[in-house]
Amino acid sequence: MGLLMLIAAGVGGAGAVAAAPLVLATVGFTGAGIAAGSFAASMMSATAVASGGGVAAGSVVAVLQAAGAAGIPVVAQAAVGATGAGVGAILGLLI
């Protein structure tokens, strides 16, 4: 059971890092900006309304758009990988 858990953790971590840019683009955080009519556009609209008309620097929408446009920083890739590894390890235990 230990080996399966380690393999699942590795696959989960690598898969999460590889999938993150695809997920960002799919929901609308692209290199060209937020895609019109996307989930990201809805998030941006709701954030702007809640904050009085703008999207604050450092907000979730701003951080996700920066990642969609410029790529995910190494520190964030580590966090995404660790989360994916944790989920993979849990799934490995359940299998």
C-alpha atoms as a PDB file:
ATOM      1  CA  MET A   1       0.000   0.000   0.000  1.00  0.00           C
ATOM      2  CA  GLY A   2       2.890   2.406   0.672  1.00  0.00           C
ATOM      3  CA  LEU A   3       4.312   2.171  -2.836  1.00  0.00           C
ATOM      4  CA  LEU A   4       0.928   2.764  -4.434  1.00  0.00           C
ATOM      5  CA  MET A   5       0.451   5.841  -2.233  1.00  0.00           C
ATOM      6  CA  LEU A   6       3.853   7.230  -3.279  1.00  0.00           C
ATOM      7  CA  ILE A   7       3.153   6.629  -6.964  1.00  0.00           C
ATOM      8  CA  ALA A   8      -0.284   8.248  -6.665  1.00  0.00           C
ATOM      9  CA  ALA A   9       1.251  11.245  -4.870  1.00  0.00           C
ATOM     10  CA  GLY A  10       3.834  11.681  -7.617  1.00  0.00           C
ATOM     11  CA  VAL A  11       1.269  11.427 -10.370  1.00  0.00           C
ATOM     12  CA  GLY A  12      -1.065  13.808  -8.530  1.00  0.00           C
ATOM     13  CA  GLY A  13       1.650  16.399  -8.008  1.00  0.00           C
ATOM     14  CA  ALA A  14       2.960  16.298 -11.561  1.00  0.00           C
ATOM     15  CA  GLY A  15      -0.535  16.193 -13.006  1.00  0.00           C
ATOM     16  CA  ALA A  16      -1.661  19.211 -11.011  1.00  0.00           C
ATOM     17  CA  VAL A  17       1.323  21.305 -12.135  1.00  0.00           C
ATOM     18  CA  ALA A  18       0.802  20.286 -15.759  1.00  0.00           C
ATOM     19  CA  ALA A  19      -2.958  20.876 -15.669  1.00  0.00           C
ATOM     20  CA  ALA A  20      -2.962  24.263 -13.890  1.00  0.00           C
ATOM     21  CA  PRO A  21      -2.217  26.415 -16.990  1.00  0.00           C
ATOM     22  CA  LEU A  22      -4.804  24.494 -18.998  1.00  0.00           C
ATOM     23  CA  VAL A  23      -7.420  25.003 -16.293  1.00  0.00           C
ATOM     24  CA  LEU A  24      -6.652  28.738 -16.120  1.00  0.00           C
ATOM     25  CA  ALA A  25      -7.066  29.097 -19.876  1.00  0.00           C
ATOM     26  CA  THR A  26     -10.221  26.970 -19.898  1.00  0.00           C
ATOM     27  CA  VAL A  27     -11.980  29.183 -17.349  1.00  0.00           C
ATOM     28  CA  GLY A  28     -10.902  32.322 -19.212  1.00  0.00           C
ATOM     29  CA  PHE A  29      -7.627  33.592 -17.727  1.00  0.00           C
ATOM     30  CA  THR A  30      -5.600  33.789 -20.957  1.00  0.00           C
ATOM     31  CA  GLY A  31      -2.396  35.399 -22.107  1.00  0.00           C
ATOM     32  CA  ALA A  32      -4.427  37.964 -24.044  1.00  0.00           C
ATOM     33  CA  GLY A  33      -6.541  38.898 -21.003  1.00  0.00           C
ATOM     34  CA  ILE A  34      -9.783  37.678 -19.557  1.00  0.00           C
ATOM     35  CA  ALA A  35     -11.919  36.003 -22.215  1.00  0.00           C
ATOM     36  CA  ALA A  36     -15.294  37.643 -22.836  1.00  0.00           C
ATOM     37  CA  GLY A  37     -18.260  35.623 -21.609  1.00  0.00           C
ATOM     38  CA  SER A  38     -16.093  33.233 -19.584  1.00  0.00           C
ATOM     39  CA  PHE A  39     -16.233  32.200 -15.946  1.00  0.00           C
ATOM     40  CA  ALA A  40     -13.229  34.489 -15.395  1.00  0.00           C
ATOM     41  CA  ALA A  41     -15.209  37.417 -16.827  1.00  0.00           C
ATOM     42  CA  SER A  42     -18.028  36.664 -14.387  1.00  0.00           C
ATOM     43  CA  MET A  43     -15.525  36.575 -11.518  1.00  0.00           C
ATOM     44  CA  MET A  44     -14.033  39.881 -12.621  1.00  0.00           C
ATOM     45  CA  SER A  45     -17.452  41.491 -12.895  1.00  0.00           C
ATOM     46  CA  ALA A  46     -18.545  40.302  -9.452  1.00  0.00           C
ATOM     47  CA  THR A  47     -15.253  41.445  -7.925  1.00  0.00           C
ATOM     48  CA  ALA A  48     -15.531  44.869  -9.533  1.00  0.00           C
ATOM     49  CA  VAL A  49     -19.104  45.318  -8.326  1.00  0.00           C
ATOM     50  CA  ALA A  50     -18.191  44.205  -4.791  1.00  0.00           C
ATOM     51  CA  SER A  51     -15.224  46.566  -4.590  1.00  0.00           C
ATOM     52  CA  GLY A  52     -16.943  49.624  -6.031  1.00  0.00           C
ATOM     53  CA  GLY A  53     -15.932  49.424  -9.670  1.00  0.00           C
ATOM     54  CA  GLY A  54     -12.393  48.084  -9.847  1.00  0.00           C
ATOM     55  CA  VAL A  55     -10.402  44.927  -9.335  1.00  0.00           C
ATOM     56  CA  ALA A  56      -7.856  45.397  -6.575  1.00  0.00           C
ATOM     57  CA  ALA A  57      -4.250  44.355  -7.079  1.00  0.00           C
ATOM     58  CA  GLY A  58      -3.608  41.161  -5.161  1.00  0.00           C
ATOM     59  CA  SER A  59      -7.225  40.001  -5.376  1.00  0.00           C
ATOM     60  CA  VAL A  60      -7.974  36.452  -6.466  1.00  0.00           C
ATOM     61  CA  VAL A  61      -9.004  37.651  -9.927  1.00  0.00           C
ATOM     62  CA  ALA A  62      -5.843  39.744 -10.326  1.00  0.00           C
ATOM     63  CA  VAL A  63      -3.570  36.899  -9.209  1.00  0.00           C
ATOM     64  CA  LEU A  64      -5.271  34.370 -11.490  1.00  0.00           C
ATOM     65  CA  GLN A  65      -5.106  36.738 -14.456  1.00  0.00           C
ATOM     66  CA  ALA A  66      -1.411  37.376 -13.829  1.00  0.00           C
ATOM     67  CA  ALA A  67      -0.842  33.620 -13.766  1.00  0.00           C
ATOM     68  CA  GLY A  68      -2.874  33.170 -16.939  1.00  0.00           C
ATOM     69  CA  ALA A  69      -0.953  35.905 -18.739  1.00  0.00           C
ATOM     70  CA  ALA A  70       2.598  35.365 -17.508  1.00  0.00           C
ATOM     71  CA  GLY A  71       2.561  31.788 -16.278  1.00  0.00           C
ATOM     72  CA  ILE A  72       2.469  30.369 -12.805  1.00  0.00           C
ATOM     73  CA  PRO A  73       5.437  31.397 -10.618  1.00  0.00           C
ATOM     74  CA  VAL A  74       7.670  28.634  -9.260  1.00  0.00           C
ATOM     75  CA  VAL A  75       6.452  29.143  -5.685  1.00  0.00           C
ATOM     76  CA  ALA A  76       2.852  28.764  -6.819  1.00  0.00           C
ATOM     77  CA  GLN A  77       3.797  25.699  -8.882  1.00  0.00           C
ATOM     78  CA  ALA A  78       5.221  24.172  -5.712  1.00  0.00           C
ATOM     79  CA  ALA A  79       1.981  24.850  -3.851  1.00  0.00           C
ATOM     80  CA  VAL A  80      -0.117  23.406  -6.698  1.00  0.00           C
ATOM     81  CA  GLY A  81       2.161  20.363  -6.866  1.00  0.00           C
ATOM     82  CA  ALA A  82       2.026  19.803  -3.116  1.00  0.00           C
ATOM     83  CA  THR A  83      -1.760  20.020  -3.152  1.00  0.00           C
ATOM     84  CA  GLY A  84      -1.955  17.589  -6.061  1.00  0.00           C
ATOM     85  CA  ALA A  85       0.455  15.232  -4.308  1.00  0.00           C
ATOM     86  CA  GLY A  86      -1.662  15.331  -1.169  1.00  0.00           C
ATOM     87  CA  VAL A  87      -4.824  14.526  -3.087  1.00  0.00           C
ATOM     88  CA  GLY A  88      -3.000  11.781  -4.973  1.00  0.00           C
ATOM     89  CA  ALA A  89      -1.681  10.270  -1.734  1.00  0.00           C
ATOM     90  CA  ILE A  90      -5.167  10.220  -0.223  1.00  0.00           C
ATOM     91  CA  LEU A  91      -6.557   8.574  -3.353  1.00  0.00           C
ATOM     92  CA  GLY A  92      -3.675   6.090  -3.257  1.00  0.00           C
ATOM     93  CA  LEU A  93      -4.668   5.115   0.272  1.00  0.00           C
ATOM     94  CA  LEU A  94      -8.289   4.642  -0.753  1.00  0.00           C
ATOM     95  CA  ILE A  95      -7.495   2.405  -3.720  1.00  0.00           C
END
